[in-house]
């Protein structure tokens, strides 16, 4: 491995420990900024990709389904996957109480090499990749489950110098440089790559200071098979 590739793979890497999201699941939705972020990201996806009743969608790192349930009424089906069963349990209760029939959940950890079943027109993900050590490998897996010309839409933090999270637990990247993320997309075989600012999150620091953080949406298309 060349030094250039090593540097490319480790850009923005942080020495964090994998976070146990099960313990946070019960109160995850209490933060109103999280619902606002899901609304903003969903709107950006609709404006950039477009959603239709013929689409089957995969939401990677769906958590409690804040983004999943924004997209659900607009598509044929959506499958939420997450490595946290605690988060999925909250989403499953929402599905049950709302009587939803086109939402499926799966406890899948892509970092362990697990590949979701099925093929999708669109894969979405919001605020998940900065919790992933090997971003490029995960994007390669997501490309595998997309249909030819299917779209990938990733929302995550712009580089934040480690100021967004109160602790480094489970944080492996302090946001992302958009040019670096574009290279990750290209390495995974995506074309027609575009990016935009999807949301601005106002978050209070432990000292009480409220800071704005930008969240980008990057999209790309899987190449048609020859």
C-alpha atoms as a PDB file:
ATOM      1  CA  UNK A   1       0.000   0.000   0.000  1.00  0.00           C
ATOM      2  CA  UNK A   2       1.439   3.375  -0.978  1.00  0.00           C
ATOM      3  CA  UNK A   3       1.749   6.232   1.493  1.00  0.00           C
ATOM      4  CA  UNK A   4      -0.663   8.225  -0.700  1.00  0.00           C
ATOM      5  CA  UNK A   5      -3.344   5.525  -0.374  1.00  0.00           C
ATOM      6  CA  UNK A   6      -2.767   5.212   3.369  1.00  0.00           C
ATOM      7  CA  UNK A   7      -3.252   8.938   3.764  1.00  0.00           C
ATOM      8  CA  UNK A   8      -6.364   8.857   1.571  1.00  0.00           C
ATOM      9  CA  UNK A   9      -7.930   6.075   3.609  1.00  0.00           C
ATOM     10  CA  UNK A  10      -7.248   7.760   6.948  1.00  0.00           C
ATOM     11  CA  UNK A  11      -8.407  11.301   6.179  1.00  0.00           C
ATOM     12  CA  UNK A  12     -10.304  12.705   9.167  1.00  0.00           C
ATOM     13  CA  UNK A  13      -9.969   9.422  11.066  1.00  0.00           C
ATOM     14  CA  UNK A  14     -10.503   9.727  14.816  1.00  0.00           C
ATOM     15  CA  UNK A  15      -9.538   7.264  17.531  1.00  0.00           C
ATOM     16  CA  UNK A  16     -13.058   6.557  18.773  1.00  0.00           C
ATOM     17  CA  UNK A  17     -14.609   3.434  20.237  1.00  0.00           C
ATOM     18  CA  UNK A  18     -17.704   1.924  18.668  1.00  0.00           C
ATOM     19  CA  UNK A  19     -20.752   3.450  20.350  1.00  0.00           C
ATOM     20  CA  UNK A  20     -23.583   1.409  21.828  1.00  0.00           C
ATOM     21  CA  UNK A  21     -26.634   3.114  20.333  1.00  0.00           C
ATOM     22  CA  UNK A  22     -29.015   0.719  22.089  1.00  0.00           C
ATOM     23  CA  UNK A  23     -28.750   2.766  25.277  1.00  0.00           C
ATOM     24  CA  UNK A  24     -29.627   6.000  23.453  1.00  0.00           C
ATOM     25  CA  UNK A  25     -32.565   4.617  21.471  1.00  0.00           C
ATOM     26  CA  UNK A  26     -35.382   5.295  23.959  1.00  0.00           C
ATOM     27  CA  UNK A  27     -34.758   9.059  24.067  1.00  0.00           C
ATOM     28  CA  UNK A  28     -33.245   9.529  20.599  1.00  0.00           C
ATOM     29  CA  UNK A  29     -36.296  11.313  19.175  1.00  0.00           C
ATOM     30  CA  UNK A  30     -36.492  13.772  22.072  1.00  0.00           C
ATOM     31  CA  UNK A  31     -34.073  16.124  20.295  1.00  0.00           C
ATOM     32  CA  UNK A  32     -36.208  18.277  17.998  1.00  0.00           C
ATOM     33  CA  UNK A  33     -33.145  19.117  15.905  1.00  0.00           C
ATOM     34  CA  UNK A  34     -33.005  15.476  14.813  1.00  0.00           C
ATOM     35  CA  UNK A  35     -36.525  15.590  13.409  1.00  0.00           C
ATOM     36  CA  UNK A  36     -35.773  18.904  11.672  1.00  0.00           C
ATOM     37  CA  UNK A  37     -32.633  17.396  10.176  1.00  0.00           C
ATOM     38  CA  UNK A  38     -34.593  14.404   8.851  1.00  0.00           C
ATOM     39  CA  UNK A  39     -37.125  16.780   7.294  1.00  0.00           C
ATOM     40  CA  UNK A  40     -34.384  18.846   5.665  1.00  0.00           C
ATOM     41  CA  UNK A  41     -32.494  15.827   4.348  1.00  0.00           C
ATOM     42  CA  UNK A  42     -35.678  14.247   2.997  1.00  0.00           C
ATOM     43  CA  UNK A  43     -36.542  17.489   1.205  1.00  0.00           C
ATOM     44  CA  UNK A  44     -33.055  17.695  -0.307  1.00  0.00           C
ATOM     45  CA  UNK A  45     -33.277  14.083  -1.521  1.00  0.00           C
ATOM     46  CA  UNK A  46     -36.668  14.763  -3.128  1.00  0.00           C
ATOM     47  CA  UNK A  47     -35.335  17.871  -4.859  1.00  0.00           C
ATOM     48  CA  UNK A  48     -32.112  16.218  -6.034  1.00  0.00           C
ATOM     49  CA  UNK A  49     -33.091  12.621  -6.822  1.00  0.00           C
ATOM     50  CA  UNK A  50     -36.868  12.661  -6.926  1.00  0.00           C
ATOM     51  CA  UNK A  51     -38.994   9.930  -5.364  1.00  0.00           C
ATOM     52  CA  UNK A  52     -41.758   7.907  -6.999  1.00  0.00           C
ATOM     53  CA  UNK A  53     -44.271   5.149  -6.075  1.00  0.00           C
ATOM     54  CA  UNK A  54     -42.264   2.674  -8.188  1.00  0.00           C
ATOM     55  CA  UNK A  55     -39.140   2.959  -6.070  1.00  0.00           C
ATOM     56  CA  UNK A  56     -37.731   0.473  -3.569  1.00  0.00           C
ATOM     57  CA  UNK A  57     -35.436   2.248  -1.105  1.00  0.00           C
ATOM     58  CA  UNK A  58     -32.842   1.175   1.457  1.00  0.00           C
ATOM     59  CA  UNK A  59     -32.074   3.420   4.444  1.00  0.00           C
ATOM     60  CA  UNK A  60     -28.632   2.558   5.827  1.00  0.00           C
ATOM     61  CA  UNK A  61     -28.182   3.459   9.494  1.00  0.00           C
ATOM     62  CA  UNK A  62     -31.889   4.171   9.816  1.00  0.00           C
ATOM     63  CA  UNK A  63     -31.869   4.440  13.617  1.00  0.00           C
ATOM     64  CA  UNK A  64     -35.363   5.135  14.924  1.00  0.00           C
ATOM     65  CA  UNK A  65     -36.619   5.815  11.393  1.00  0.00           C
ATOM     66  CA  UNK A  66     -36.749   9.597  11.357  1.00  0.00           C
ATOM     67  CA  UNK A  67     -35.649   9.733   7.702  1.00  0.00           C
ATOM     68  CA  UNK A  68     -37.232   6.371   6.832  1.00  0.00           C
ATOM     69  CA  UNK A  69     -40.710   7.584   7.738  1.00  0.00           C
ATOM     70  CA  UNK A  70     -40.273  10.846   5.843  1.00  0.00           C
ATOM     71  CA  UNK A  71     -39.594   8.865   2.669  1.00  0.00           C
ATOM     72  CA  UNK A  72     -42.074   6.022   3.272  1.00  0.00           C
ATOM     73  CA  UNK A  73     -45.253   7.688   1.918  1.00  0.00           C
ATOM     74  CA  UNK A  74     -43.547   8.590  -1.366  1.00  0.00           C
ATOM     75  CA  UNK A  75     -42.153   5.200  -2.440  1.00  0.00           C
ATOM     76  CA  UNK A  76     -43.286   1.607  -2.993  1.00  0.00           C
ATOM     77  CA  UNK A  77     -41.171   0.201  -0.174  1.00  0.00           C
ATOM     78  CA  UNK A  78     -38.384   1.169   2.166  1.00  0.00           C
ATOM     79  CA  UNK A  79     -36.118  -1.111   4.168  1.00  0.00           C
ATOM     80  CA  UNK A  80     -34.317   0.299   7.195  1.00  0.00           C
ATOM     81  CA  UNK A  81     -31.108  -1.375   8.278  1.00  0.00           C
ATOM     82  CA  UNK A  82     -29.079  -0.655  11.389  1.00  0.00           C
ATOM     83  CA  UNK A  83     -26.558  -2.421  13.609  1.00  0.00           C
ATOM     84  CA  UNK A  84     -28.447  -1.300  16.742  1.00  0.00           C
ATOM     85  CA  UNK A  85     -31.377  -3.542  17.651  1.00  0.00           C
ATOM     86  CA  UNK A  86     -32.431  -0.971  20.252  1.00  0.00           C
ATOM     87  CA  UNK A  87     -32.917   1.655  17.554  1.00  0.00           C
ATOM     88  CA  UNK A  88     -34.785  -0.805  15.343  1.00  0.00           C
ATOM     89  CA  UNK A  89     -37.115  -1.745  18.199  1.00  0.00           C
ATOM     90  CA  UNK A  90     -38.227   1.891  18.430  1.00  0.00           C
ATOM     91  CA  UNK A  91     -38.800   1.974  14.664  1.00  0.00           C
ATOM     92  CA  UNK A  92     -40.706  -1.323  14.755  1.00  0.00           C
ATOM     93  CA  UNK A  93     -43.091   0.156  17.336  1.00  0.00           C
ATOM     94  CA  UNK A  94     -43.716   3.169  15.079  1.00  0.00           C
ATOM     95  CA  UNK A  95     -44.454   0.835  12.165  1.00  0.00           C
ATOM     96  CA  UNK A  96     -46.883  -1.141  14.304  1.00  0.00           C
ATOM     97  CA  UNK A  97     -48.746   1.827  15.775  1.00  0.00           C
ATOM     98  CA  UNK A  98     -49.012   3.590  12.396  1.00  0.00           C
ATOM     99  CA  UNK A  99     -50.085   0.417  10.582  1.00  0.00           C
ATOM    100  CA  UNK A 100     -47.422   0.776   7.893  1.00  0.00           C
ATOM    101  CA  UNK A 101     -47.180  -2.057   5.383  1.00  0.00           C
ATOM    102  CA  UNK A 102     -44.340  -0.921   3.135  1.00  0.00           C
ATOM    103  CA  UNK A 103     -41.579  -0.591   5.753  1.00  0.00           C
ATOM    104  CA  UNK A 104     -39.222  -3.426   6.685  1.00  0.00           C
ATOM    105  CA  UNK A 105     -36.392  -3.401   9.220  1.00  0.00           C
ATOM    106  CA  UNK A 106     -33.287  -5.551   9.354  1.00  0.00           C
ATOM    107  CA  UNK A 107     -30.558  -5.796  12.000  1.00  0.00           C
ATOM    108  CA  UNK A 108     -27.521  -5.695   9.705  1.00  0.00           C
ATOM    109  CA  UNK A 109     -23.973  -4.519  10.374  1.00  0.00           C
ATOM    110  CA  UNK A 110     -22.253  -3.614   7.115  1.00  0.00           C
ATOM    111  CA  UNK A 111     -18.948  -3.174   8.924  1.00  0.00           C
ATOM    112  CA  UNK A 112     -19.023  -6.922   9.607  1.00  0.00           C
ATOM    113  CA  UNK A 113     -19.355  -7.601   5.886  1.00  0.00           C
ATOM    114  CA  UNK A 114     -23.094  -8.338   6.009  1.00  0.00           C
ATOM    115  CA  UNK A 115     -24.837  -7.553   2.710  1.00  0.00           C
ATOM    116  CA  UNK A 116     -28.557  -6.677   2.671  1.00  0.00           C
ATOM    117  CA  UNK A 117     -30.849  -8.870   0.588  1.00  0.00           C
ATOM    118  CA  UNK A 118     -32.574  -7.453  -2.476  1.00  0.00           C
ATOM    119  CA  UNK A 119     -31.789  -4.708  -4.952  1.00  0.00           C
ATOM    120  CA  UNK A 120     -32.910  -1.117  -4.688  1.00  0.00           C
ATOM    121  CA  UNK A 121     -33.547   1.934  -6.823  1.00  0.00           C
ATOM    122  CA  UNK A 122     -32.183   4.229  -4.132  1.00  0.00           C
ATOM    123  CA  UNK A 123     -29.994   3.942  -1.047  1.00  0.00           C
ATOM    124  CA  UNK A 124     -30.126   6.781   1.473  1.00  0.00           C
ATOM    125  CA  UNK A 125     -28.198   7.427   4.654  1.00  0.00           C
ATOM    126  CA  UNK A 126     -28.112  10.349   7.066  1.00  0.00           C
ATOM    127  CA  UNK A 127     -25.486  11.090   9.712  1.00  0.00           C
ATOM    128  CA  UNK A 128     -24.196   7.530   9.725  1.00  0.00           C
ATOM    129  CA  UNK A 129     -20.904   7.481   7.829  1.00  0.00           C
ATOM    130  CA  UNK A 130     -18.965   9.457  10.423  1.00  0.00           C
ATOM    131  CA  UNK A 131     -19.630   6.501  12.758  1.00  0.00           C
ATOM    132  CA  UNK A 132     -18.090   4.073  10.224  1.00  0.00           C
ATOM    133  CA  UNK A 133     -14.400   3.224  10.256  1.00  0.00           C
ATOM    134  CA  UNK A 134     -14.021   2.009   6.657  1.00  0.00           C
ATOM    135  CA  UNK A 135     -16.233   4.320   4.629  1.00  0.00           C
ATOM    136  CA  UNK A 136     -14.998   3.143   1.254  1.00  0.00           C
ATOM    137  CA  UNK A 137     -15.801  -0.502   1.986  1.00  0.00           C
ATOM    138  CA  UNK A 138     -19.333   0.366   3.101  1.00  0.00           C
ATOM    139  CA  UNK A 139     -19.944   2.402  -0.063  1.00  0.00           C
ATOM    140  CA  UNK A 140     -18.809  -0.587  -2.123  1.00  0.00           C
ATOM    141  CA  UNK A 141     -21.368  -2.790  -0.335  1.00  0.00           C
ATOM    142  CA  UNK A 142     -24.117  -0.231  -0.913  1.00  0.00           C
ATOM    143  CA  UNK A 143     -23.217  -0.127  -4.603  1.00  0.00           C
ATOM    144  CA  UNK A 144     -23.699  -3.909  -4.749  1.00  0.00           C
ATOM    145  CA  UNK A 145     -27.341  -3.695  -3.677  1.00  0.00           C
ATOM    146  CA  UNK A 146     -28.279  -0.914  -6.087  1.00  0.00           C
ATOM    147  CA  UNK A 147     -29.902  -1.683  -9.389  1.00  0.00           C
ATOM    148  CA  UNK A 148     -28.116  -0.401 -12.525  1.00  0.00           C
ATOM    149  CA  UNK A 149     -28.515   3.401 -12.665  1.00  0.00           C
ATOM    150  CA  UNK A 150     -29.727   3.315  -9.050  1.00  0.00           C
ATOM    151  CA  UNK A 151     -28.895   6.308  -6.883  1.00  0.00           C
ATOM    152  CA  UNK A 152     -26.960   6.748  -3.655  1.00  0.00           C
ATOM    153  CA  UNK A 153     -27.756   9.737  -1.421  1.00  0.00           C
ATOM    154  CA  UNK A 154     -25.518  10.322   1.589  1.00  0.00           C
ATOM    155  CA  UNK A 155     -26.061  13.126   4.088  1.00  0.00           C
ATOM    156  CA  UNK A 156     -23.370  13.838   6.650  1.00  0.00           C
ATOM    157  CA  UNK A 157     -21.450  16.564   8.416  1.00  0.00           C
ATOM    158  CA  UNK A 158     -19.031  18.850   6.682  1.00  0.00           C
ATOM    159  CA  UNK A 159     -15.608  18.795   8.368  1.00  0.00           C
ATOM    160  CA  UNK A 160     -16.237  20.102  11.878  1.00  0.00           C
ATOM    161  CA  UNK A 161     -12.856  19.911  13.677  1.00  0.00           C
ATOM    162  CA  UNK A 162     -14.435  17.598  16.240  1.00  0.00           C
ATOM    163  CA  UNK A 163     -16.791  20.253  17.601  1.00  0.00           C
ATOM    164  CA  UNK A 164     -20.158  18.642  16.759  1.00  0.00           C
ATOM    165  CA  UNK A 165     -19.984  15.704  19.145  1.00  0.00           C
ATOM    166  CA  UNK A 166     -19.646  16.190  22.888  1.00  0.00           C
ATOM    167  CA  UNK A 167     -17.455  13.071  23.203  1.00  0.00           C
ATOM    168  CA  UNK A 168     -15.412  11.089  20.643  1.00  0.00           C
ATOM    169  CA  UNK A 169     -17.207   7.842  21.506  1.00  0.00           C
ATOM    170  CA  UNK A 170     -18.206   6.113  18.287  1.00  0.00           C
ATOM    171  CA  UNK A 171     -16.956   8.979  16.116  1.00  0.00           C
ATOM    172  CA  UNK A 172     -14.409   7.889  13.537  1.00  0.00           C
ATOM    173  CA  UNK A 173     -14.495  10.978  11.307  1.00  0.00           C
ATOM    174  CA  UNK A 174     -14.889  14.625  12.304  1.00  0.00           C
ATOM    175  CA  UNK A 175     -17.201  15.216   9.388  1.00  0.00           C
ATOM    176  CA  UNK A 176     -15.973  14.951   5.809  1.00  0.00           C
ATOM    177  CA  UNK A 177     -14.352  17.127   3.199  1.00  0.00           C
ATOM    178  CA  UNK A 178     -16.691  17.028   0.203  1.00  0.00           C
ATOM    179  CA  UNK A 179     -13.846  16.504  -2.280  1.00  0.00           C
ATOM    180  CA  UNK A 180     -12.688  13.487  -0.271  1.00  0.00           C
ATOM    181  CA  UNK A 181     -16.212  12.063  -0.160  1.00  0.00           C
ATOM    182  CA  UNK A 182     -16.474  12.516  -3.930  1.00  0.00           C
ATOM    183  CA  UNK A 183     -13.339  10.370  -4.286  1.00  0.00           C
ATOM    184  CA  UNK A 184     -14.950   7.709  -2.112  1.00  0.00           C
ATOM    185  CA  UNK A 185     -17.992   7.729  -4.409  1.00  0.00           C
ATOM    186  CA  UNK A 186     -15.807   7.465  -7.505  1.00  0.00           C
ATOM    187  CA  UNK A 187     -13.800   4.589  -5.997  1.00  0.00           C
ATOM    188  CA  UNK A 188     -17.074   2.717  -5.380  1.00  0.00           C
ATOM    189  CA  UNK A 189     -18.041   3.130  -9.049  1.00  0.00           C
ATOM    190  CA  UNK A 190     -20.506   6.019  -8.904  1.00  0.00           C
ATOM    191  CA  UNK A 191     -20.916   8.645 -11.603  1.00  0.00           C
ATOM    192  CA  UNK A 192     -22.921  11.871 -11.986  1.00  0.00           C
ATOM    193  CA  UNK A 193     -21.770  12.851  -8.494  1.00  0.00           C
ATOM    194  CA  UNK A 194     -23.256  16.031  -7.101  1.00  0.00           C
ATOM    195  CA  UNK A 195     -23.326  17.720  -3.716  1.00  0.00           C
ATOM    196  CA  UNK A 196     -25.295  20.444  -1.997  1.00  0.00           C
ATOM    197  CA  UNK A 197     -25.904  21.752   1.496  1.00  0.00           C
ATOM    198  CA  UNK A 198     -28.933  19.888   2.802  1.00  0.00           C
ATOM    199  CA  UNK A 199     -29.287  21.340   6.290  1.00  0.00           C
ATOM    200  CA  UNK A 200     -27.837  23.558   8.975  1.00  0.00           C
ATOM    201  CA  UNK A 201     -27.933  22.089  12.474  1.00  0.00           C
ATOM    202  CA  UNK A 202     -27.807  24.443  15.452  1.00  0.00           C
ATOM    203  CA  UNK A 203     -26.319  22.451  18.317  1.00  0.00           C
ATOM    204  CA  UNK A 204     -25.541  23.536  21.847  1.00  0.00           C
ATOM    205  CA  UNK A 205     -22.093  22.700  23.163  1.00  0.00           C
ATOM    206  CA  UNK A 206     -21.470  21.538  26.756  1.00  0.00           C
ATOM    207  CA  UNK A 207     -20.492  25.135  27.581  1.00  0.00           C
ATOM    208  CA  UNK A 208     -23.886  26.403  26.405  1.00  0.00           C
ATOM    209  CA  UNK A 209     -22.676  27.963  23.173  1.00  0.00           C
ATOM    210  CA  UNK A 210     -24.925  27.292  20.169  1.00  0.00           C
ATOM    211  CA  UNK A 211     -22.988  26.589  16.999  1.00  0.00           C
ATOM    212  CA  UNK A 212     -24.236  26.020  13.445  1.00  0.00           C
ATOM    213  CA  UNK A 213     -23.010  22.929  11.576  1.00  0.00           C
ATOM    214  CA  UNK A 214     -23.651  22.267   7.901  1.00  0.00           C
ATOM    215  CA  UNK A 215     -24.787  18.904   6.580  1.00  0.00           C
ATOM    216  CA  UNK A 216     -24.127  18.077   2.936  1.00  0.00           C
ATOM    217  CA  UNK A 217     -26.023  15.747   0.638  1.00  0.00           C
ATOM    218  CA  UNK A 218     -23.888  13.894  -1.906  1.00  0.00           C
ATOM    219  CA  UNK A 219     -25.566  11.872  -4.633  1.00  0.00           C
ATOM    220  CA  UNK A 220     -24.333   9.590  -7.381  1.00  0.00           C
ATOM    221  CA  UNK A 221     -25.552   7.022  -9.878  1.00  0.00           C
ATOM    222  CA  UNK A 222     -24.427   3.431 -10.221  1.00  0.00           C
ATOM    223  CA  UNK A 223     -23.043   2.688 -13.677  1.00  0.00           C
ATOM    224  CA  UNK A 224     -25.191   0.696 -16.032  1.00  0.00           C
ATOM    225  CA  UNK A 225     -23.968  -2.849 -16.508  1.00  0.00           C
ATOM    226  CA  UNK A 226     -22.397  -3.452 -19.904  1.00  0.00           C
END
